[in-house]
Amino acid sequence: MELKKTVHFLNYIGSFESRLFFQGSKYEYNGGGFVLLGLIIQEVTGESYYDYLQKNIFDPLGMNHTKALEIDGINYNTAEGYSIYINKDKSLAHNYYYISKASGASAHYSTAEDLFKFSKALRNYQLLSKNTTDLMLEPKVKGYNTFLGYGIDIDKKYEETIVGHSGGWYGIRCEWMDFLDSDYTVIILSNIDNDGKEEVSNFFKSKLTKMKELK
């Protein structure tokens, strides 16, 4: 199935006759919601999702290495992903057949430096007003391991709050963490989907803060 435009991802989203729960009452992971948000951006702005992000986020922040690449094109200076979940014996396999063009849910290519620029711009209110940023970072509902704001994880299990986001796919693992009190930013990018990313994440958390004592 062709996946070259945001609208093509609608073919993967099923139709539901009734809601699973009322908004804000619980959390359940669903990338389809972010695909719809990408389409809403297109509808409201009259621009393609990709052009809007490029013009309003990537270019103004100097994120020159963040792109929605054409996966069947020739792309230089990009890491290829390797997965332990494709072969039955868990030997590493190339993830080529599992990659699609970016949607509102995922799959932009970026670098640690560009994501650092995004992180600081968000914290310094260069992307959104202070009121909107505060609303985004306000815990709304309890997720699997953290609280959730609007499209962002809010981890309050430690002595200082950590905000950010993590994700992954076949051959890909990534995480962005902002430590709000000490002002550290950690970006983790991996092109292998084993437990390495999680180990690195836990290492930085253990060095930069401490888990709250249970009372």
Protein backbone atom coordinates (compact mmCIF):
# COMPACT_ATOMS: atom_id res chain seq x y z
CA MET A 1 0.00 0.00 0.00
CA GLU A 2 1.35 3.44 -0.94
CA LEU A 3 2.31 5.66 1.99
CA LYS A 4 3.63 8.87 0.44
CA LYS A 5 1.14 11.40 1.86
CA THR A 6 -0.35 11.87 5.32
CA VAL A 7 -3.83 11.00 4.04
CA HIS A 8 -2.62 7.55 2.92
CA PHE A 9 -2.25 6.53 6.57
CA LEU A 10 -6.02 6.73 7.00
CA ASN A 11 -6.24 3.34 5.31
CA TYR A 12 -4.68 1.83 8.44
CA ILE A 13 -7.10 3.46 10.86
CA GLY A 14 -10.22 1.43 11.53
CA SER A 15 -13.70 2.81 12.04
CA PHE A 16 -15.28 2.70 15.49
CA GLU A 17 -18.97 2.86 16.23
CA SER A 18 -18.49 4.02 19.81
CA ARG A 19 -15.76 5.57 21.90
CA LEU A 20 -13.67 3.33 24.15
CA PHE A 21 -13.69 5.87 26.99
CA PHE A 22 -14.22 9.57 27.61
CA GLN A 23 -11.27 11.85 26.94
CA GLY A 24 -9.14 12.49 29.99
CA SER A 25 -10.51 9.52 31.92
CA LYS A 26 -7.73 7.03 31.07
CA TYR A 27 -4.83 6.44 28.69
CA GLU A 28 -4.38 3.97 25.87
CA TYR A 29 -1.59 4.20 23.30
CA ASN A 30 -2.86 4.95 19.80
CA GLY A 31 -0.67 6.41 17.05
CA GLY A 32 -3.75 6.85 14.88
CA GLY A 33 -4.75 9.88 16.94
CA PHE A 34 -1.55 11.66 15.91
CA VAL A 35 -2.14 10.75 12.26
CA LEU A 36 -5.49 12.53 12.56
CA LEU A 37 -3.81 15.54 14.18
CA GLY A 38 -1.50 15.77 11.18
CA LEU A 39 -4.53 15.79 8.89
CA ILE A 40 -6.18 18.48 11.02
CA ILE A 41 -3.08 20.66 10.55
CA GLN A 42 -3.47 20.25 6.80
CA GLU A 43 -7.17 21.08 6.90
CA VAL A 44 -6.79 24.16 9.11
CA THR A 45 -3.72 25.64 7.39
CA GLY A 46 -4.38 24.59 3.80
CA GLU A 47 -0.79 23.36 3.59
CA SER A 48 0.64 19.87 3.53
CA TYR A 49 1.63 18.52 6.94
CA TYR A 50 5.26 18.25 5.83
CA ASP A 51 5.45 21.79 4.44
CA TYR A 52 3.83 23.25 7.55
CA LEU A 53 6.34 21.64 9.92
CA GLN A 54 9.23 22.67 7.68
CA LYS A 55 8.12 26.30 7.51
CA ASN A 56 6.96 26.78 11.10
CA ILE A 57 9.29 24.56 13.15
CA PHE A 58 12.31 23.13 11.35
CA ASP A 59 13.42 26.20 9.37
CA PRO A 60 12.92 28.82 12.12
CA LEU A 61 14.80 26.69 14.67
CA GLY A 62 17.61 25.81 12.30
CA MET A 63 16.75 22.10 12.41
CA ASN A 64 18.52 21.56 9.11
CA HIS A 65 18.91 17.80 9.50
CA THR A 66 15.27 16.95 10.28
CA LYS A 67 13.31 15.65 7.30
CA ALA A 68 10.39 13.51 6.18
CA LEU A 69 12.48 11.48 3.76
CA GLU A 70 11.21 9.67 0.70
CA ILE A 71 12.02 6.09 1.64
CA ASP A 72 12.36 4.97 -1.98
CA GLY A 73 14.73 7.84 -2.77
CA ILE A 74 18.49 8.18 -2.32
CA ASN A 75 19.07 9.49 1.19
CA TYR A 76 22.60 10.29 2.30
CA ASN A 77 23.91 10.47 5.87
CA THR A 78 21.08 8.45 7.37
CA ALA A 79 21.43 5.55 9.78
CA GLU A 80 19.79 2.28 8.77
CA GLY A 81 17.84 0.35 11.36
CA TYR A 82 18.45 -3.22 12.50
CA SER A 83 15.88 -5.28 14.37
CA ILE A 84 15.96 -8.36 16.59
CA TYR A 85 12.21 -8.84 16.07
CA ILE A 86 12.14 -9.81 12.37
CA ASN A 87 14.00 -13.14 12.35
CA LYS A 88 12.77 -15.97 14.57
CA ASP A 89 16.26 -16.52 15.98
CA LYS A 90 16.46 -12.78 16.86
CA SER A 91 19.54 -12.29 14.72
CA LEU A 92 19.82 -8.72 13.46
CA ALA A 93 17.88 -7.97 10.28
CA HIS A 94 17.56 -4.81 8.23
CA ASN A 95 14.27 -2.97 8.79
CA TYR A 96 13.90 -1.72 5.21
CA TYR A 97 10.46 -3.29 4.59
CA TYR A 98 9.02 -1.84 7.80
CA ILE A 99 9.77 1.84 7.14
CA SER A 100 7.28 4.32 5.70
CA LYS A 101 7.24 8.07 5.09
CA ALA A 102 6.59 10.20 8.16
CA SER A 103 3.06 10.84 9.40
CA GLY A 104 1.67 12.83 12.30
CA ALA A 105 2.55 9.85 14.46
CA SER A 106 6.20 9.19 13.65
CA ALA A 107 9.09 8.61 11.24
CA HIS A 108 10.81 11.95 10.71
CA TYR A 109 14.58 11.61 10.52
CA SER A 110 16.56 13.87 12.83
CA THR A 111 19.78 14.29 14.81
CA ALA A 112 20.62 14.78 18.49
CA GLU A 113 21.62 18.38 17.78
CA ASP A 114 18.34 19.21 16.05
CA LEU A 115 16.26 17.62 18.80
CA PHE A 116 18.24 19.60 21.37
CA LYS A 117 17.29 22.78 19.48
CA PHE A 118 13.63 21.72 19.55
CA SER A 119 13.79 20.98 23.28
CA LYS A 120 15.28 24.34 24.19
CA ALA A 121 12.89 26.22 21.90
CA LEU A 122 9.91 24.57 23.58
CA ARG A 123 11.24 25.34 27.07
CA ASN A 124 12.02 28.97 26.13
CA TYR A 125 8.56 29.59 24.60
CA GLN A 126 9.89 30.06 21.07
CA LEU A 127 7.38 27.58 19.64
CA LEU A 128 4.31 28.25 21.77
CA SER A 129 3.21 30.92 24.20
CA LYS A 130 3.95 30.37 27.89
CA ASN A 131 0.28 29.68 28.63
CA THR A 132 0.03 27.06 25.87
CA THR A 133 3.37 25.49 26.82
CA ASP A 134 2.31 25.24 30.47
CA LEU A 135 -0.96 23.63 29.36
CA MET A 136 0.97 21.15 27.21
CA LEU A 137 3.26 20.20 30.13
CA GLU A 138 0.46 19.87 32.68
CA PRO A 139 -0.24 16.23 33.67
CA LYS A 140 -3.62 15.19 32.28
CA VAL A 141 -3.87 11.44 32.75
CA LYS A 142 -1.80 8.54 34.12
CA GLY A 143 -0.08 6.54 31.39
CA TYR A 144 1.65 3.17 31.57
CA ASN A 145 4.77 4.51 33.33
CA THR A 146 4.38 8.29 33.47
CA PHE A 147 1.74 10.97 33.39
CA LEU A 148 0.78 12.41 30.01
CA GLY A 149 0.35 16.02 28.97
CA TYR A 150 -0.54 16.95 25.41
CA GLY A 151 1.70 14.66 23.34
CA ILE A 152 4.40 14.60 26.01
CA ASP A 153 5.46 12.35 28.89
CA ILE A 154 5.69 13.86 32.38
CA ASP A 155 7.67 11.59 34.69
CA LYS A 156 7.14 12.48 38.35
CA LYS A 157 8.68 9.33 39.86
CA TYR A 158 11.97 11.17 40.48
CA GLU A 159 13.06 14.03 42.72
CA GLU A 160 12.82 16.36 39.75
CA THR A 161 10.23 16.22 36.99
CA ILE A 162 11.38 14.84 33.64
CA VAL A 163 9.43 15.75 30.51
CA GLY A 164 9.96 14.39 27.03
CA HIS A 165 8.94 11.60 24.74
CA SER A 166 10.16 8.18 23.67
CA GLY A 167 9.34 5.94 20.75
CA GLY A 168 10.45 3.16 18.53
CA TRP A 169 9.76 0.85 15.65
CA TYR A 170 11.51 -2.09 14.01
CA GLY A 171 15.20 -1.18 14.17
CA ILE A 172 14.61 2.18 15.88
CA ARG A 173 14.64 3.40 19.47
CA CYS A 174 14.74 7.01 20.63
CA GLU A 175 14.12 9.16 23.67
CA TRP A 176 14.19 12.85 24.57
CA MET A 177 14.33 13.86 28.24
CA ASP A 178 14.34 17.35 29.76
CA PHE A 179 15.23 17.51 33.46
CA LEU A 180 13.25 20.58 34.54
CA ASP A 181 15.14 21.60 37.68
CA SER A 182 18.76 20.94 36.67
CA ASP A 183 18.13 21.99 33.04
CA TYR A 184 19.84 18.96 31.53
CA THR A 185 18.62 17.62 28.20
CA VAL A 186 19.31 14.03 27.13
CA ILE A 187 18.75 12.80 23.56
CA ILE A 188 19.12 9.08 22.82
CA LEU A 189 19.00 7.77 19.23
CA SER A 190 19.57 4.10 18.43
CA ASN A 191 19.35 2.13 15.18
CA ILE A 192 18.98 -1.19 17.02
CA ASP A 193 15.77 -2.13 18.84
CA ASN A 194 17.28 -4.12 21.71
CA ASP A 195 17.33 -2.97 25.36
CA GLY A 196 20.30 -0.64 24.85
CA LYS A 197 18.24 2.55 24.69
CA GLU A 198 16.48 1.71 27.96
CA GLU A 199 19.79 1.01 29.68
CA VAL A 200 21.21 4.36 28.55
CA SER A 201 18.03 6.14 29.66
CA ASN A 202 18.15 4.59 33.12
CA PHE A 203 21.87 5.42 33.41
CA PHE A 204 21.26 9.14 32.90
CA LYS A 205 18.29 9.16 35.26
CA SER A 206 20.40 7.51 37.95
CA LYS A 207 23.20 10.07 37.48
CA LEU A 208 21.12 13.23 37.19
CA THR A 209 18.39 12.60 39.76
CA LYS A 210 17.05 10.06 42.24
CA MET A 211 13.91 7.99 42.44
CA LYS A 212 11.47 9.33 45.04
CA GLU A 213 11.25 7.29 48.23
CA LEU A 214 7.98 5.45 48.63
CA LYS A 215 5.99 6.61 51.64
